[in-house]
Protein backbone atom coordinates (compact mmCIF):
# COMPACT_ATOMS: atom_id res chain seq x y z
CA UNK A 1 20.37 2.04 4.75
CA UNK A 2 21.88 -0.97 2.99
CA UNK A 3 25.06 -0.14 4.72
CA UNK A 4 23.34 -0.67 8.18
CA UNK A 5 21.31 -3.52 6.93
CA UNK A 6 24.63 -5.36 5.87
CA UNK A 7 25.59 -6.00 9.71
CA UNK A 8 24.84 -9.46 11.21
CA UNK A 9 21.23 -10.26 9.96
CA UNK A 10 21.07 -12.95 12.56
CA UNK A 11 20.36 -10.50 15.46
CA UNK A 12 17.09 -9.63 13.62
CA UNK A 13 15.74 -12.83 15.03
CA UNK A 14 15.18 -11.30 18.58
CA UNK A 15 11.74 -9.70 18.68
CA UNK A 16 12.33 -8.53 22.31
CA UNK A 17 15.78 -7.12 22.20
CA UNK A 18 19.17 -8.37 23.17
CA UNK A 19 17.92 -8.98 26.83
CA UNK A 20 15.40 -11.52 25.76
CA UNK A 21 12.81 -10.24 27.90
CA UNK A 22 9.26 -9.72 26.82
CA UNK A 23 7.68 -6.25 27.26
CA UNK A 24 4.24 -6.43 28.71
CA UNK A 25 2.97 -3.23 26.52
CA UNK A 26 3.64 -2.60 23.09
CA UNK A 27 5.80 0.51 22.22
CA UNK A 28 3.66 2.22 19.49
CA UNK A 29 4.42 5.18 17.37
CA UNK A 30 1.73 7.58 18.43
CA UNK A 31 2.04 10.09 15.72
CA UNK A 32 1.68 7.23 13.03
CA UNK A 33 -1.35 6.04 14.60
CA UNK A 34 -2.84 9.39 14.78
CA UNK A 35 -2.23 10.07 11.05
CA UNK A 36 -3.67 6.72 10.12
CA UNK A 37 -6.82 7.36 12.28
CA UNK A 38 -7.19 10.88 10.67
CA UNK A 39 -7.20 9.07 7.39
CA UNK A 40 -9.70 6.63 8.44
CA UNK A 41 -11.95 9.33 9.77
CA UNK A 42 -11.72 11.35 6.31
CA UNK A 43 -12.50 7.93 4.66
CA UNK A 44 -15.67 7.49 6.61
CA UNK A 45 -16.78 11.12 6.00
CA UNK A 46 -16.06 11.10 2.33
CA UNK A 47 -17.16 7.70 1.39
CA UNK A 48 -20.57 8.74 2.79
CA UNK A 49 -20.46 11.92 0.94
CA UNK A 50 -19.26 10.59 -2.30
CA UNK A 51 -21.73 7.50 -2.14
CA UNK A 52 -24.87 8.95 -0.74
CA UNK A 53 -26.96 9.38 -3.94
CA UNK A 54 -25.76 6.08 -5.66
CA UNK A 55 -26.56 4.21 -2.29
CA UNK A 56 -30.00 5.83 -2.09
CA UNK A 57 -30.74 4.72 -5.83
CA UNK A 58 -29.13 1.05 -5.70
CA UNK A 59 -29.99 0.02 -2.17
CA UNK A 60 -32.73 2.51 -0.76
CA UNK A 61 -30.35 3.17 2.12
CA UNK A 62 -28.39 6.43 1.77
CA UNK A 63 -25.94 5.22 4.41
CA UNK A 64 -25.30 1.88 3.02
CA UNK A 65 -21.60 2.38 2.05
CA UNK A 66 -20.87 4.08 5.33
CA UNK A 67 -21.98 1.22 7.35
CA UNK A 68 -19.92 -1.14 5.07
CA UNK A 69 -16.82 0.97 5.36
CA UNK A 70 -17.28 1.41 9.31
CA UNK A 71 -17.39 -2.50 9.29
CA UNK A 72 -14.36 -2.93 7.44
CA UNK A 73 -12.60 -0.27 9.34
CA UNK A 74 -13.42 -2.20 12.56
CA UNK A 75 -12.42 -5.59 11.00
CA UNK A 76 -9.01 -3.78 9.75
CA UNK A 77 -8.37 -2.46 13.33
CA UNK A 78 -8.77 -5.78 14.84
CA UNK A 79 -6.38 -7.15 12.05
CA UNK A 80 -4.10 -4.56 12.89
CA UNK A 81 -4.06 -5.29 16.59
CA UNK A 82 -3.64 -9.19 16.06
CA UNK A 83 -0.88 -8.47 13.45
CA UNK A 84 1.00 -6.04 16.07
CA UNK A 85 1.03 -8.97 18.53
CA UNK A 86 2.65 -11.61 16.20
CA UNK A 87 6.44 -11.57 16.61
CA UNK A 88 8.09 -10.46 13.32
CA UNK A 89 10.34 -13.32 13.08
CA UNK A 90 7.26 -15.57 12.31
CA UNK A 91 7.01 -13.82 8.99
CA UNK A 92 10.71 -14.16 8.30
CA UNK A 93 10.66 -17.77 8.97
CA UNK A 94 7.39 -18.26 6.67
CA UNK A 95 8.84 -16.28 3.77
CA UNK A 96 8.97 -19.02 1.28
CA UNK A 97 5.64 -20.48 2.32
CA UNK A 98 3.93 -17.16 1.99
CA UNK A 99 5.27 -16.85 -1.67
CA UNK A 100 3.89 -20.27 -2.50
CA UNK A 101 0.52 -19.05 -1.09
CA UNK A 102 0.65 -15.89 -3.05
CA UNK A 103 1.03 -17.96 -6.13
CA UNK A 104 -1.81 -20.22 -5.25
CA UNK A 105 -4.16 -17.35 -4.62
CA UNK A 106 -3.50 -15.98 -7.96
CA UNK A 107 -3.92 -19.01 -9.74
CA UNK A 108 -7.08 -19.95 -7.90
CA UNK A 109 -8.70 -16.60 -8.60
CA UNK A 110 -8.31 -17.32 -12.44
CA UNK A 111 -10.32 -20.53 -12.15
CA UNK A 112 -14.04 -19.99 -13.44
CA UNK A 113 -16.74 -20.43 -10.78
CA UNK A 114 -14.27 -19.42 -8.02
CA UNK A 115 -12.98 -16.12 -9.12
CA UNK A 116 -15.60 -13.25 -9.61
CA UNK A 117 -15.56 -11.25 -12.85
CA UNK A 118 -16.24 -7.66 -12.36
CA UNK A 119 -16.04 -5.04 -15.24
CA UNK A 120 -14.14 -7.75 -17.26
CA UNK A 121 -11.51 -8.45 -14.72
CA UNK A 122 -11.25 -11.67 -12.71
CA UNK A 123 -9.53 -10.33 -9.58
CA UNK A 124 -12.20 -11.14 -6.61
CA UNK A 125 -13.15 -14.18 -4.73
CA UNK A 126 -16.52 -13.97 -3.10
CA UNK A 127 -16.47 -14.27 0.63
CA UNK A 128 -19.83 -13.69 2.22
CA UNK A 129 -20.26 -9.82 2.64
CA UNK A 130 -17.42 -8.89 0.34
CA UNK A 131 -15.37 -9.72 -2.71
CA UNK A 132 -12.03 -10.30 -1.66
CA UNK A 133 -9.27 -8.91 -4.14
CA UNK A 134 -6.45 -11.58 -3.90
CA UNK A 135 -3.85 -9.31 -5.19
CA UNK A 136 -3.94 -7.15 -2.29
CA UNK A 137 -2.74 -10.00 0.08
CA UNK A 138 -0.59 -11.63 -2.41
CA UNK A 139 1.41 -8.39 -2.75
CA UNK A 140 2.31 -8.45 0.75
CA UNK A 141 3.24 -11.91 0.70
CA UNK A 142 5.58 -11.48 -2.43
CA UNK A 143 7.11 -8.55 -0.73
CA UNK A 144 7.74 -10.50 2.44
CA UNK A 145 9.41 -13.23 0.38
CA UNK A 146 11.74 -10.62 -1.11
CA UNK A 147 12.68 -9.03 1.97
CA UNK A 148 13.56 -12.54 3.35
CA UNK A 149 15.42 -13.15 0.43
CA UNK A 150 17.55 -10.10 0.56
CA UNK A 151 18.32 -10.50 4.13
CA UNK A 152 19.84 -13.99 3.48
CA UNK A 153 21.64 -12.96 0.32
CA UNK A 154 22.51 -9.58 0.78
CA UNK A 155 26.36 -10.11 0.59
CA UNK A 156 25.96 -12.02 -2.87
CA UNK A 157 23.30 -9.54 -4.07
CA UNK A 158 26.01 -6.71 -3.99
CA UNK A 159 28.43 -8.99 -5.85
CA UNK A 160 26.80 -10.51 -8.84
CA UNK A 161 23.66 -10.30 -10.94
CA UNK A 162 23.12 -13.86 -10.73
CA UNK A 163 21.91 -13.53 -7.28
CA UNK A 164 19.21 -11.00 -8.51
CA UNK A 165 17.91 -13.87 -10.92
CA UNK A 166 15.75 -15.74 -8.33
CA UNK A 167 13.65 -12.65 -7.10
CA UNK A 168 13.32 -11.48 -10.77
CA UNK A 169 12.05 -14.82 -11.77
CA UNK A 170 9.60 -14.79 -9.07
CA UNK A 171 8.33 -11.37 -10.12
CA UNK A 172 8.13 -12.39 -13.75
CA UNK A 173 5.67 -15.24 -12.70
CA UNK A 174 3.78 -13.08 -10.25
CA UNK A 175 3.25 -10.46 -13.06
CA UNK A 176 2.14 -12.99 -15.67
CA UNK A 177 -0.52 -14.13 -13.09
CA UNK A 178 -1.73 -10.49 -12.41
CA UNK A 179 -1.81 -9.67 -15.91
CA UNK A 180 -3.97 -12.61 -16.81
CA UNK A 181 -6.76 -11.08 -14.47
CA UNK A 182 -5.90 -8.51 -15.86
CA UNK A 183 -4.67 -6.08 -13.33
CA UNK A 184 -1.93 -3.83 -14.76
CA UNK A 185 -2.04 -1.28 -11.94
CA UNK A 186 -1.33 -3.83 -9.21
CA UNK A 187 1.45 -5.31 -11.42
CA UNK A 188 3.29 -1.67 -11.82
CA UNK A 189 2.96 -1.07 -7.86
CA UNK A 190 4.23 -4.48 -7.26
CA UNK A 191 7.24 -4.31 -9.68
CA UNK A 192 8.28 -0.95 -8.60
CA UNK A 193 8.15 -1.72 -5.03
CA UNK A 194 10.11 -4.92 -5.48
CA UNK A 195 12.87 -3.18 -7.54
CA UNK A 196 13.08 -0.46 -4.84
CA UNK A 197 13.81 -2.99 -2.28
CA UNK A 198 16.42 -4.73 -4.28
CA UNK A 199 18.20 -1.32 -4.66
CA UNK A 200 17.99 -0.81 -0.84
CA UNK A 201 19.19 -4.27 -0.30
CA UNK A 202 22.47 -3.16 -2.06
CA UNK A 203 21.97 -4.25 -5.73
CA UNK A 204 24.81 -2.52 -7.68
CA UNK A 205 23.63 0.68 -9.63
CA UNK A 206 24.55 -0.59 -13.20
CA UNK A 207 22.32 -3.62 -12.56
CA UNK A 208 19.70 -1.49 -11.18
CA UNK A 209 19.57 0.91 -14.14
CA UNK A 210 19.35 -2.23 -16.41
CA UNK A 211 16.52 -3.64 -14.50
CA UNK A 212 14.85 -0.63 -14.36
CA UNK A 213 15.06 0.18 -17.95
CA UNK A 214 13.95 -3.47 -18.90
CA UNK A 215 10.97 -3.21 -16.56
CA UNK A 216 9.86 -0.04 -18.06
CA UNK A 217 10.15 -1.21 -21.58
CA UNK A 218 8.38 -4.48 -20.73
CA UNK A 219 5.54 -2.64 -19.02
CA UNK A 220 5.45 -0.28 -21.93
CA UNK A 221 5.02 -3.10 -24.35
CA UNK A 222 2.17 -4.79 -22.34
CA UNK A 223 0.36 -1.28 -22.07
CA UNK A 224 0.25 -0.76 -25.91
CA UNK A 225 -0.53 -4.50 -26.44
CA UNK A 226 -4.16 -4.22 -25.42
CA UNK A 227 -6.42 -1.72 -27.20
CA UNK A 228 -8.11 -0.63 -24.07
CA UNK A 229 -5.01 0.33 -22.55
CA UNK A 230 -3.88 2.37 -25.44
CA UNK A 231 -7.29 4.25 -25.22
CA UNK A 232 -6.20 5.06 -21.74
CA UNK A 233 -2.83 6.26 -22.51
CA UNK A 234 -4.28 8.44 -25.23
CA UNK A 235 -6.92 9.58 -23.05
CA UNK A 236 -4.51 10.76 -20.41
CA UNK A 237 -2.69 12.78 -23.08
CA UNK A 238 -5.78 14.47 -24.37
CA UNK A 239 -9.09 13.64 -22.35
CA UNK A 240 -11.16 16.33 -24.07
CA UNK A 241 -10.58 14.73 -27.42
CA UNK A 242 -13.52 12.14 -26.37
CA UNK A 243 -15.29 13.75 -23.55
CA UNK A 244 -18.40 11.61 -23.69
CA UNK A 245 -16.65 8.39 -24.73
CA UNK A 246 -13.50 6.35 -23.15
CA UNK A 247 -12.39 9.74 -21.30
CA UNK A 248 -15.66 10.49 -19.70
CA UNK A 249 -14.65 9.49 -16.16
CA UNK A 250 -11.28 11.35 -16.37
CA UNK A 251 -13.05 14.49 -17.86
CA UNK A 252 -15.85 14.48 -15.00
CA UNK A 253 -12.90 14.07 -12.37
CA UNK A 254 -11.00 17.12 -13.79
CA UNK A 255 -14.23 19.29 -13.64
CA UNK A 256 -14.64 18.11 -10.03
CA UNK A 257 -11.18 19.06 -9.04
CA UNK A 258 -11.34 22.36 -10.97
CA UNK A 259 -14.71 23.31 -9.32
CA UNK A 260 -12.82 22.91 -5.93
CA UNK A 261 -10.53 25.88 -6.48
CA UNK A 262 -8.91 27.03 -3.08
CA UNK A 263 -11.46 26.24 -0.24
CA UNK A 264 -14.08 23.83 -2.12
CA UNK A 265 -17.61 23.98 -2.46
CA UNK A 266 -18.34 22.69 1.09
CA UNK A 267 -18.92 19.27 2.60
CA UNK A 268 -21.83 17.29 0.73
CA UNK A 269 -22.12 20.04 -1.97
CA UNK A 270 -20.27 18.18 -4.85
CA UNK A 271 -22.30 18.16 -8.07
CA UNK A 272 -19.89 15.74 -9.88
CA UNK A 273 -20.72 12.87 -7.53
CA UNK A 274 -24.42 13.00 -8.38
CA UNK A 275 -24.08 10.42 -11.02
CA UNK A 276 -21.57 12.40 -13.29
CA UNK A 277 -18.42 10.94 -11.82
CA UNK A 278 -18.47 6.96 -12.04
CA UNK A 279 -16.61 5.27 -9.03
CA UNK A 280 -16.94 8.50 -7.07
CA UNK A 281 -16.52 6.61 -3.79
CA UNK A 282 -13.86 4.31 -4.84
CA UNK A 283 -11.02 4.99 -7.10
CA UNK A 284 -12.19 8.62 -7.65
CA UNK A 285 -12.87 9.78 -4.04
CA UNK A 286 -9.88 12.15 -4.37
CA UNK A 287 -11.76 14.14 -6.87
CA UNK A 288 -14.65 14.61 -4.71
CA UNK A 289 -12.33 15.72 -1.84
CA UNK A 290 -10.82 18.24 -4.34
CA UNK A 291 -14.25 19.53 -5.11
CA UNK A 292 -15.74 19.79 -1.68
CA UNK A 293 -12.56 20.99 0.27
CA UNK A 294 -10.59 22.57 -2.44
CA UNK A 295 -6.69 22.92 -2.73
CA UNK A 296 -6.12 23.64 1.14
CA UNK A 297 -8.27 20.29 1.69
CA UNK A 298 -6.03 18.47 -0.72
CA UNK A 299 -2.95 19.82 0.81
CA UNK A 300 -4.01 18.72 4.32
CA UNK A 301 -4.83 15.30 3.04
CA UNK A 302 -1.43 15.06 1.28
CA UNK A 303 0.27 16.22 4.58
CA UNK A 304 -1.46 13.10 6.28
CA UNK A 305 -0.15 10.60 3.70
CA UNK A 306 3.24 12.40 4.09
CA UNK A 307 3.49 11.86 7.64
CA UNK A 308 2.42 8.12 7.38
CA UNK A 309 5.10 7.44 4.82
CA UNK A 310 7.71 9.57 6.83
CA UNK A 311 6.86 7.60 10.16
CA UNK A 312 7.01 4.05 8.41
CA UNK A 313 10.40 4.83 6.86
CA UNK A 314 11.78 6.09 10.06
CA UNK A 315 10.66 2.67 11.84
CA UNK A 316 12.51 1.14 9.03
CA UNK A 317 15.82 3.13 9.70
CA UNK A 318 15.20 2.37 13.47
CA UNK A 319 14.93 -1.48 12.49
CA UNK A 320 17.99 -1.25 10.45
CA UNK A 321 20.07 0.49 13.04
CA UNK A 322 19.16 -2.31 15.55
CA UNK A 323 20.46 -4.98 12.97
CA UNK A 324 16.73 -6.16 12.41
CA UNK A 325 17.36 -6.48 8.48
CA UNK A 326 14.29 -8.34 7.51
CA UNK A 327 11.99 -6.13 9.71
CA UNK A 328 13.75 -3.04 8.13
CA UNK A 329 12.90 -4.08 4.45
CA UNK A 330 9.27 -5.03 5.46
CA UNK A 331 8.76 -1.34 6.90
CA UNK A 332 10.34 -0.06 3.92
CA UNK A 333 8.09 -1.99 1.44
CA UNK A 334 4.91 -0.69 3.33
CA UNK A 335 6.22 2.87 3.10
CA UNK A 336 7.19 2.62 -0.57
CA UNK A 337 3.99 1.11 -1.29
CA UNK A 338 2.03 3.74 0.53
CA UNK A 339 3.68 6.64 -1.04
CA UNK A 340 3.66 4.97 -4.67
CA UNK A 341 0.11 4.03 -4.70
CA UNK A 342 -1.02 7.44 -3.14
CA UNK A 343 1.14 9.14 -6.10
CA UNK A 344 -0.67 7.07 -8.78
CA UNK A 345 -4.13 7.31 -7.67
CA UNK A 346 -4.03 11.11 -7.43
CA UNK A 347 -2.18 11.27 -10.78
CA UNK A 348 -4.95 9.23 -12.36
CA UNK A 349 -7.50 11.43 -10.69
CA UNK A 350 -5.73 14.65 -12.28
CA UNK A 351 -5.18 13.14 -15.49
CA UNK A 352 -1.47 12.77 -15.02
CA UNK A 353 -1.43 9.08 -15.28
CA UNK A 354 -3.66 6.57 -17.42
CA UNK A 355 -6.61 5.35 -15.66
CA UNK A 356 -6.04 2.40 -13.31
CA UNK A 357 -8.24 0.57 -10.70
CA UNK A 358 -6.06 1.34 -7.72
CA UNK A 359 -7.64 2.83 -4.73
CA UNK A 360 -6.43 5.77 -2.39
CA UNK A 361 -4.94 3.73 0.36
CA UNK A 362 -6.90 3.37 3.49
CA UNK A 363 -9.39 6.05 2.05
CA UNK A 364 -11.32 4.57 -1.03
CA UNK A 365 -14.22 2.38 -0.37
CA UNK A 366 -12.98 -1.14 -0.73
CA UNK A 367 -12.88 -4.03 1.71
CA UNK A 368 -10.10 -6.05 0.87
CA UNK A 369 -7.69 -3.15 0.21
CA UNK A 370 -8.51 -1.42 3.77
CA UNK A 371 -8.20 -4.93 5.55
CA UNK A 372 -4.87 -5.85 4.10
CA UNK A 373 -3.56 -2.21 4.67
CA UNK A 374 -4.48 -2.12 8.39
CA UNK A 375 -3.13 -5.60 8.96
CA UNK A 376 0.19 -4.66 7.27
CA UNK A 377 0.31 -1.39 9.41
CA UNK A 378 0.02 -3.99 12.47
CA UNK A 379 3.22 -5.68 11.26
CA UNK A 380 5.00 -2.38 11.07
CA UNK A 381 3.84 -1.27 14.36
CA UNK A 382 5.30 -4.74 15.67
CA UNK A 383 8.41 -3.87 14.09
CA UNK A 384 8.47 -0.38 16.00
CA UNK A 385 8.11 -2.11 19.42
CA UNK A 386 10.66 -4.74 18.70
CA UNK A 387 13.11 -1.92 17.44
CA UNK A 388 12.51 0.21 20.45
CA UNK A 389 12.88 -2.53 22.92
CA UNK A 390 16.21 -3.45 21.19
CA UNK A 391 17.49 -0.02 21.69
CA UNK A 392 16.31 -0.01 25.27
CA UNK A 393 17.96 -3.21 25.90
CA UNK A 394 21.23 -2.04 24.40
CA UNK A 395 21.38 0.97 26.63
CA UNK A 396 24.06 0.79 29.37
CA UNK A 397 22.35 0.16 33.06
CA UNK A 398 24.12 3.53 33.92
CA UNK A 399 22.34 5.38 31.31
CA UNK A 400 19.06 3.74 32.09
CA UNK A 401 19.31 4.50 35.81
CA UNK A 402 20.29 8.27 34.78
CA UNK A 403 17.15 8.37 32.69
CA UNK A 404 14.93 6.83 35.20
CA UNK A 405 16.16 9.24 37.86
CA UNK A 406 15.30 12.14 35.56
CA UNK A 407 12.05 10.91 34.96
CA UNK A 408 11.19 10.76 38.67
CA UNK A 409 12.74 14.23 39.29
């Protein structure tokens, strides 16, 4: 991928292809859209199933979280359509201001009176009907900066480690701000995705391995420095050592997954969601899916996420082949993030990883994560359109006429 991206990056500035003509309609990836639509449908159904008891108790409206989720799905779809209409070169030109905006957001959320504290973490800003988690949007802005930096410095990135110092310094600052909230999960996902982008950008293997080892050691020290994180690590290894204390949530999740067996107990028939499993409609909705639909249902869900990641990485490849370097990195960052966060959330639900506050992308209840993910998807769909039009514009006229004749026939 990096070999293709190393070609002339300036050609990526044309959002409509080499002909410079604007397409009246967007060329969309139908398979990607259908896979995302299926995940959103599962989201509406399972958030309702997992929250119906707690919604009745807390609000008196059994469908409170369904209504809320449908509102955010509608707003996210609107954000996706708007983002899909914005030429990707706009994000490339603004990659430095976007980084500054990310830093400002992460600083502002730490200010008492502005940032809202939930469960001991100050990650949210109150915005009317929702608490917006600024790290969700900040992550996209930081990755856009890294994509822009690699695009402009790709040749130097392959030659010296000094060129890598700038994005690494940025990541250290961002990581410190995230850990002050604290948000260890978001920090780990952002660092991993960023390092993966640098690797795709052509970073030498020896630098890459040194960076990965250093980041892993640093994250390990951060993890063991806080007592509550150590409890999570120990709980992940042997949750049944304290099933009614610090490991209660993980134990209940494992019971839910175990009860599902092959085909599940049936939609709406989960027992663990009835006040046994905390956060059943947010971070642990996967456990409810596993209980109600079993291994077969989980396998189908994983296939949907696999299709999304595959199609997004395919779009990244299309952009790279069209010499749209920045766009290729943006699409790749979305695909890497989607696959990574899905893996971590499922790993946490199954007890393979320490408990973290990370949602299942585009499925868990949560307004800010859903809005940002769908808006980011809109950017990827825009990249698909531009890469498709670039390929069509580059096609010889004789080939275009031949294809048109076949189509008419």
